[in-house]
């Protein structure tokens, strides 16, 4: 699991979540339970990175989540290149975090 950096995303509630940034195509360990953001990470002229938020979801097994993902066409349309991961073992908590982030950011592929 090659980690590039970390990034903080805030939910509509104001709660901040620190995500580990991984390049698209990273292999994750089996049963890695997490909330994830699919993003396009780009660098500006000052050398700083920023993320275009494409999709937020959650899974009980990140190792298989992106095999034939139902939003893959949308991810490609928006030039996905990163998976940002917030580990959370409890499914109910993952669902709440996912909705908190969707409510704040309304990512392009969550509505399509």
N, C-alpha and C. Protein backbone atom coordinates (compact mmCIF):
# COMPACT_ATOMS: atom_id res chain seq x y z
N UNK A 1 0.85 -1.18 0.00
CA UNK A 1 0.00 0.00 0.00
C UNK A 1 0.89 1.25 0.00
N UNK A 2 1.25 1.72 -1.16
CA UNK A 2 2.09 2.91 -1.28
C UNK A 2 1.29 4.15 -0.90
N UNK A 3 1.73 4.82 0.13
CA UNK A 3 1.05 6.03 0.60
C UNK A 3 1.82 7.25 0.11
N UNK A 4 1.09 8.19 -0.53
CA UNK A 4 1.71 9.40 -1.04
C UNK A 4 1.79 10.49 0.03
N UNK A 5 0.71 10.62 0.81
CA UNK A 5 0.61 11.69 1.80
C UNK A 5 -0.70 11.50 2.55
N UNK A 6 -1.13 12.55 3.23
CA UNK A 6 -2.45 12.57 3.87
C UNK A 6 -3.17 13.84 3.46
N UNK A 7 -4.48 13.81 3.57
CA UNK A 7 -5.32 14.97 3.28
C UNK A 7 -6.51 14.93 4.23
N UNK A 8 -6.97 16.10 4.63
CA UNK A 8 -8.11 16.18 5.53
C UNK A 8 -9.34 16.66 4.77
N UNK A 9 -10.42 15.93 4.91
CA UNK A 9 -11.71 16.33 4.35
C UNK A 9 -12.68 16.50 5.52
N UNK A 10 -13.53 17.50 5.43
CA UNK A 10 -14.51 17.77 6.49
C UNK A 10 -15.91 17.40 6.02
N UNK A 11 -16.68 16.86 6.93
CA UNK A 11 -18.07 16.55 6.63
C UNK A 11 -18.95 17.78 6.81
N UNK A 12 -20.19 17.65 6.41
CA UNK A 12 -21.17 18.73 6.61
C UNK A 12 -21.28 19.08 8.10
N UNK A 13 -21.05 18.09 8.96
CA UNK A 13 -21.14 18.28 10.41
C UNK A 13 -20.00 19.14 10.96
N UNK A 14 -18.95 19.32 10.14
CA UNK A 14 -17.76 20.03 10.61
C UNK A 14 -16.68 19.09 11.11
N UNK A 15 -17.01 17.81 11.25
CA UNK A 15 -16.03 16.82 11.66
C UNK A 15 -14.98 16.66 10.56
N UNK A 16 -13.71 16.64 10.96
CA UNK A 16 -12.63 16.46 10.01
C UNK A 16 -12.11 15.03 10.06
N UNK A 17 -11.81 14.51 8.87
CA UNK A 17 -11.34 13.14 8.73
C UNK A 17 -10.01 13.17 7.97
N UNK A 18 -8.99 12.52 8.51
CA UNK A 18 -7.67 12.48 7.88
C UNK A 18 -7.56 11.21 7.03
N UNK A 19 -7.40 11.39 5.73
CA UNK A 19 -7.33 10.29 4.77
C UNK A 19 -5.89 10.07 4.32
N UNK A 20 -5.50 8.82 4.17
CA UNK A 20 -4.22 8.47 3.55
C UNK A 20 -4.43 8.46 2.04
N UNK A 21 -3.51 9.09 1.32
CA UNK A 21 -3.61 9.19 -0.13
C UNK A 21 -2.77 8.09 -0.77
N UNK A 22 -3.40 7.32 -1.67
CA UNK A 22 -2.73 6.25 -2.40
C UNK A 22 -2.95 6.45 -3.90
N UNK A 23 -1.97 6.10 -4.71
CA UNK A 23 -2.18 6.19 -6.16
C UNK A 23 -3.23 5.17 -6.60
N UNK A 24 -3.97 5.52 -7.66
CA UNK A 24 -4.95 4.60 -8.24
C UNK A 24 -4.22 3.31 -8.62
N UNK A 25 -4.82 2.18 -8.34
CA UNK A 25 -4.21 0.90 -8.67
C UNK A 25 -3.49 0.26 -7.50
N UNK A 26 -3.44 0.95 -6.37
CA UNK A 26 -2.81 0.39 -5.17
C UNK A 26 -3.54 -0.88 -4.75
N UNK A 27 -2.80 -1.88 -4.34
CA UNK A 27 -3.38 -3.11 -3.79
C UNK A 27 -3.50 -2.94 -2.28
N UNK A 28 -4.70 -3.21 -1.77
CA UNK A 28 -4.96 -3.08 -0.34
C UNK A 28 -5.09 -4.46 0.28
N UNK A 29 -4.80 -4.54 1.58
CA UNK A 29 -4.90 -5.82 2.29
C UNK A 29 -6.36 -6.27 2.36
N UNK A 30 -6.55 -7.57 2.45
CA UNK A 30 -7.88 -8.15 2.53
C UNK A 30 -8.60 -7.68 3.79
N UNK A 31 -9.90 -7.45 3.65
CA UNK A 31 -10.77 -7.03 4.74
C UNK A 31 -10.41 -5.66 5.31
N UNK A 32 -9.78 -4.82 4.50
CA UNK A 32 -9.47 -3.45 4.93
C UNK A 32 -10.75 -2.63 4.82
N UNK A 33 -11.33 -2.32 5.96
CA UNK A 33 -12.63 -1.63 6.03
C UNK A 33 -12.39 -0.12 6.10
N UNK A 34 -13.06 0.60 5.20
CA UNK A 34 -12.74 2.03 5.11
C UNK A 34 -13.81 2.82 4.39
N UNK A 35 -13.73 4.13 4.62
CA UNK A 35 -14.41 5.12 3.79
C UNK A 35 -13.35 5.58 2.80
N UNK A 36 -13.73 5.81 1.56
CA UNK A 36 -12.73 6.20 0.57
C UNK A 36 -13.25 7.32 -0.34
N UNK A 37 -12.35 8.14 -0.79
CA UNK A 37 -12.61 9.16 -1.79
C UNK A 37 -11.83 8.80 -3.04
N UNK A 38 -12.46 8.84 -4.18
CA UNK A 38 -11.76 8.75 -5.46
C UNK A 38 -11.53 10.21 -5.88
N UNK A 39 -10.28 10.53 -6.21
CA UNK A 39 -9.96 11.92 -6.55
C UNK A 39 -9.03 11.99 -7.76
N UNK A 40 -8.97 13.19 -8.31
CA UNK A 40 -7.92 13.53 -9.25
C UNK A 40 -6.99 14.47 -8.49
N UNK A 41 -5.78 14.03 -8.27
CA UNK A 41 -4.78 14.82 -7.55
C UNK A 41 -3.88 15.50 -8.57
N UNK A 42 -3.81 16.82 -8.47
CA UNK A 42 -2.97 17.59 -9.39
C UNK A 42 -2.12 18.57 -8.61
N UNK A 43 -1.07 19.03 -9.25
CA UNK A 43 -0.13 19.94 -8.62
C UNK A 43 -0.24 21.30 -9.31
N UNK A 44 -0.32 22.36 -8.50
CA UNK A 44 -0.41 23.70 -9.07
C UNK A 44 0.99 24.26 -9.33
N UNK A 45 1.06 25.47 -9.85
CA UNK A 45 2.34 26.08 -10.20
C UNK A 45 3.25 26.32 -9.01
N UNK A 46 2.67 26.41 -7.81
CA UNK A 46 3.46 26.61 -6.59
C UNK A 46 3.97 25.29 -6.00
N UNK A 47 3.63 24.18 -6.66
CA UNK A 47 4.09 22.88 -6.18
C UNK A 47 3.17 22.24 -5.17
N UNK A 48 2.05 22.88 -4.87
CA UNK A 48 1.09 22.33 -3.91
C UNK A 48 0.11 21.41 -4.63
N UNK A 49 -0.30 20.38 -3.93
CA UNK A 49 -1.26 19.43 -4.49
C UNK A 49 -2.67 19.76 -4.03
N UNK A 50 -3.63 19.50 -4.91
CA UNK A 50 -5.03 19.62 -4.53
C UNK A 50 -5.81 18.48 -5.18
N UNK A 51 -6.99 18.23 -4.64
CA UNK A 51 -7.80 17.11 -5.09
C UNK A 51 -9.13 17.59 -5.64
N UNK A 52 -9.49 17.07 -6.80
CA UNK A 52 -10.84 17.20 -7.32
C UNK A 52 -11.58 15.97 -6.84
N UNK A 53 -12.63 16.18 -6.08
CA UNK A 53 -13.35 15.08 -5.44
C UNK A 53 -14.35 14.47 -6.42
N UNK A 54 -14.18 13.20 -6.70
CA UNK A 54 -14.97 12.52 -7.72
C UNK A 54 -16.07 11.66 -7.12
N UNK A 55 -15.75 10.90 -6.07
CA UNK A 55 -16.70 9.94 -5.50
C UNK A 55 -16.29 9.60 -4.08
N UNK A 56 -17.27 9.45 -3.21
CA UNK A 56 -17.01 8.95 -1.87
C UNK A 56 -17.87 7.71 -1.65
N UNK A 57 -17.26 6.70 -1.03
CA UNK A 57 -17.97 5.47 -0.75
C UNK A 57 -17.39 4.80 0.49
N UNK A 58 -17.88 3.61 0.78
CA UNK A 58 -17.35 2.85 1.92
C UNK A 58 -17.38 1.37 1.54
N UNK A 59 -16.56 0.60 2.22
CA UNK A 59 -16.49 -0.82 1.93
C UNK A 59 -15.99 -1.61 3.13
N UNK A 60 -16.36 -2.87 3.17
CA UNK A 60 -15.84 -3.79 4.16
C UNK A 60 -14.60 -4.52 3.68
N UNK A 61 -14.24 -4.31 2.39
CA UNK A 61 -13.05 -4.97 1.85
C UNK A 61 -12.49 -4.14 0.69
N UNK A 62 -11.58 -3.25 1.01
CA UNK A 62 -10.98 -2.37 0.00
C UNK A 62 -10.15 -3.15 -1.02
N UNK A 63 -9.73 -4.37 -0.66
CA UNK A 63 -8.89 -5.14 -1.58
C UNK A 63 -9.64 -5.55 -2.85
N UNK A 64 -10.97 -5.61 -2.80
CA UNK A 64 -11.75 -6.01 -3.97
C UNK A 64 -12.74 -4.94 -4.42
N UNK A 65 -12.80 -3.83 -3.75
CA UNK A 65 -13.83 -2.84 -4.01
C UNK A 65 -13.79 -2.27 -5.42
N UNK A 66 -12.62 -2.14 -6.01
CA UNK A 66 -12.52 -1.47 -7.30
C UNK A 66 -12.49 -2.43 -8.48
N UNK A 67 -12.64 -3.73 -8.20
CA UNK A 67 -12.79 -4.70 -9.27
C UNK A 67 -14.20 -4.53 -9.85
N UNK A 68 -14.29 -4.03 -11.06
CA UNK A 68 -15.59 -3.83 -11.72
C UNK A 68 -16.52 -2.91 -10.93
N UNK A 69 -16.00 -1.81 -10.41
CA UNK A 69 -16.81 -0.86 -9.64
C UNK A 69 -17.93 -0.30 -10.53
N UNK A 70 -19.12 -0.17 -9.99
CA UNK A 70 -20.27 0.30 -10.77
C UNK A 70 -20.15 1.75 -11.25
N UNK A 71 -19.20 2.51 -10.72
CA UNK A 71 -18.99 3.90 -11.14
C UNK A 71 -17.69 4.08 -11.92
N UNK A 72 -17.09 3.00 -12.39
CA UNK A 72 -15.80 3.06 -13.07
C UNK A 72 -15.80 4.01 -14.27
N UNK A 73 -16.85 4.00 -15.07
CA UNK A 73 -16.93 4.88 -16.24
C UNK A 73 -16.89 6.34 -15.79
N UNK A 74 -17.59 6.65 -14.74
CA UNK A 74 -17.59 8.01 -14.20
C UNK A 74 -16.21 8.37 -13.65
N UNK A 75 -15.56 7.45 -12.95
CA UNK A 75 -14.21 7.70 -12.43
C UNK A 75 -13.27 8.07 -13.59
N UNK A 76 -13.37 7.31 -14.69
CA UNK A 76 -12.52 7.57 -15.84
C UNK A 76 -12.82 8.93 -16.47
N UNK A 77 -14.08 9.27 -16.53
CA UNK A 77 -14.50 10.56 -17.11
C UNK A 77 -13.85 11.74 -16.38
N UNK A 78 -13.69 11.59 -15.07
CA UNK A 78 -13.13 12.68 -14.25
C UNK A 78 -11.64 12.47 -13.93
N UNK A 79 -10.99 11.58 -14.66
CA UNK A 79 -9.53 11.40 -14.56
C UNK A 79 -9.03 10.99 -13.17
N UNK A 80 -9.67 10.00 -12.60
CA UNK A 80 -9.23 9.52 -11.28
C UNK A 80 -7.76 9.12 -11.31
N UNK A 81 -7.05 9.45 -10.22
CA UNK A 81 -5.68 8.96 -10.11
C UNK A 81 -5.28 8.66 -8.67
N UNK A 82 -6.21 8.86 -7.73
CA UNK A 82 -5.92 8.57 -6.32
C UNK A 82 -7.12 7.95 -5.61
N UNK A 83 -6.80 7.16 -4.59
CA UNK A 83 -7.78 6.66 -3.65
C UNK A 83 -7.34 7.17 -2.28
N UNK A 84 -8.19 7.98 -1.67
CA UNK A 84 -7.92 8.51 -0.33
C UNK A 84 -8.72 7.67 0.65
N UNK A 85 -8.05 7.16 1.69
CA UNK A 85 -8.64 6.13 2.54
C UNK A 85 -8.66 6.55 4.00
N UNK A 86 -9.84 6.37 4.62
CA UNK A 86 -10.02 6.60 6.06
C UNK A 86 -10.46 5.27 6.65
N UNK A 87 -9.59 4.62 7.38
CA UNK A 87 -9.91 3.31 7.94
C UNK A 87 -10.96 3.43 9.04
N UNK A 88 -11.99 2.61 8.94
CA UNK A 88 -13.05 2.56 9.94
C UNK A 88 -13.66 1.17 9.90
N UNK A 89 -13.54 0.44 11.01
CA UNK A 89 -13.98 -0.95 11.05
C UNK A 89 -15.50 -1.09 11.21
N UNK A 90 -16.15 -0.14 11.87
CA UNK A 90 -17.58 -0.25 12.15
C UNK A 90 -18.42 0.21 10.95
N UNK A 91 -19.27 -0.67 10.44
CA UNK A 91 -20.06 -0.35 9.25
C UNK A 91 -21.01 0.83 9.46
N UNK A 92 -21.69 0.89 10.59
CA UNK A 92 -22.61 2.00 10.84
C UNK A 92 -21.87 3.34 10.85
N UNK A 93 -20.69 3.34 11.43
CA UNK A 93 -19.88 4.57 11.46
C UNK A 93 -19.43 4.93 10.05
N UNK A 94 -19.03 3.94 9.26
CA UNK A 94 -18.64 4.20 7.87
C UNK A 94 -19.79 4.84 7.09
N UNK A 95 -20.98 4.31 7.27
CA UNK A 95 -22.15 4.87 6.57
C UNK A 95 -22.39 6.33 6.97
N UNK A 96 -22.26 6.62 8.24
CA UNK A 96 -22.47 8.00 8.72
C UNK A 96 -21.41 8.95 8.17
N UNK A 97 -20.16 8.50 8.16
CA UNK A 97 -19.08 9.33 7.63
C UNK A 97 -19.27 9.56 6.14
N UNK A 98 -19.60 8.50 5.42
CA UNK A 98 -19.84 8.61 3.98
C UNK A 98 -20.91 9.67 3.70
N UNK A 99 -22.03 9.58 4.41
CA UNK A 99 -23.12 10.53 4.18
C UNK A 99 -22.73 11.94 4.59
N UNK A 100 -21.99 12.09 5.67
CA UNK A 100 -21.50 13.39 6.13
C UNK A 100 -20.66 14.06 5.03
N UNK A 101 -19.78 13.27 4.40
CA UNK A 101 -18.92 13.80 3.34
C UNK A 101 -19.70 14.08 2.05
N UNK A 102 -20.63 13.20 1.69
CA UNK A 102 -21.47 13.45 0.51
C UNK A 102 -22.26 14.73 0.70
N UNK A 103 -22.83 14.91 1.88
CA UNK A 103 -23.62 16.11 2.14
C UNK A 103 -22.79 17.39 2.02
N UNK A 104 -21.51 17.32 2.36
CA UNK A 104 -20.67 18.50 2.30
C UNK A 104 -20.12 18.77 0.89
N UNK A 105 -19.72 17.72 0.18
CA UNK A 105 -19.03 17.91 -1.09
C UNK A 105 -19.86 17.60 -2.35
N UNK A 106 -20.87 16.78 -2.24
CA UNK A 106 -21.69 16.37 -3.40
C UNK A 106 -20.80 15.99 -4.58
N UNK A 107 -19.94 14.97 -4.43
CA UNK A 107 -19.02 14.60 -5.50
C UNK A 107 -19.73 14.23 -6.80
N UNK A 108 -19.10 14.53 -7.90
CA UNK A 108 -19.69 14.36 -9.24
C UNK A 108 -20.27 12.98 -9.49
N UNK A 109 -19.56 11.94 -9.13
CA UNK A 109 -20.01 10.57 -9.44
C UNK A 109 -20.99 10.01 -8.41
N UNK A 110 -21.18 10.66 -7.28
CA UNK A 110 -22.18 10.17 -6.33
C UNK A 110 -23.59 10.47 -6.83
N UNK A 111 -23.74 11.50 -7.60
CA UNK A 111 -25.07 11.87 -8.10
C UNK A 111 -25.43 11.25 -9.43
N UNK A 112 -24.44 10.66 -10.10
CA UNK A 112 -24.69 10.10 -11.44
C UNK A 112 -25.08 8.65 -11.38
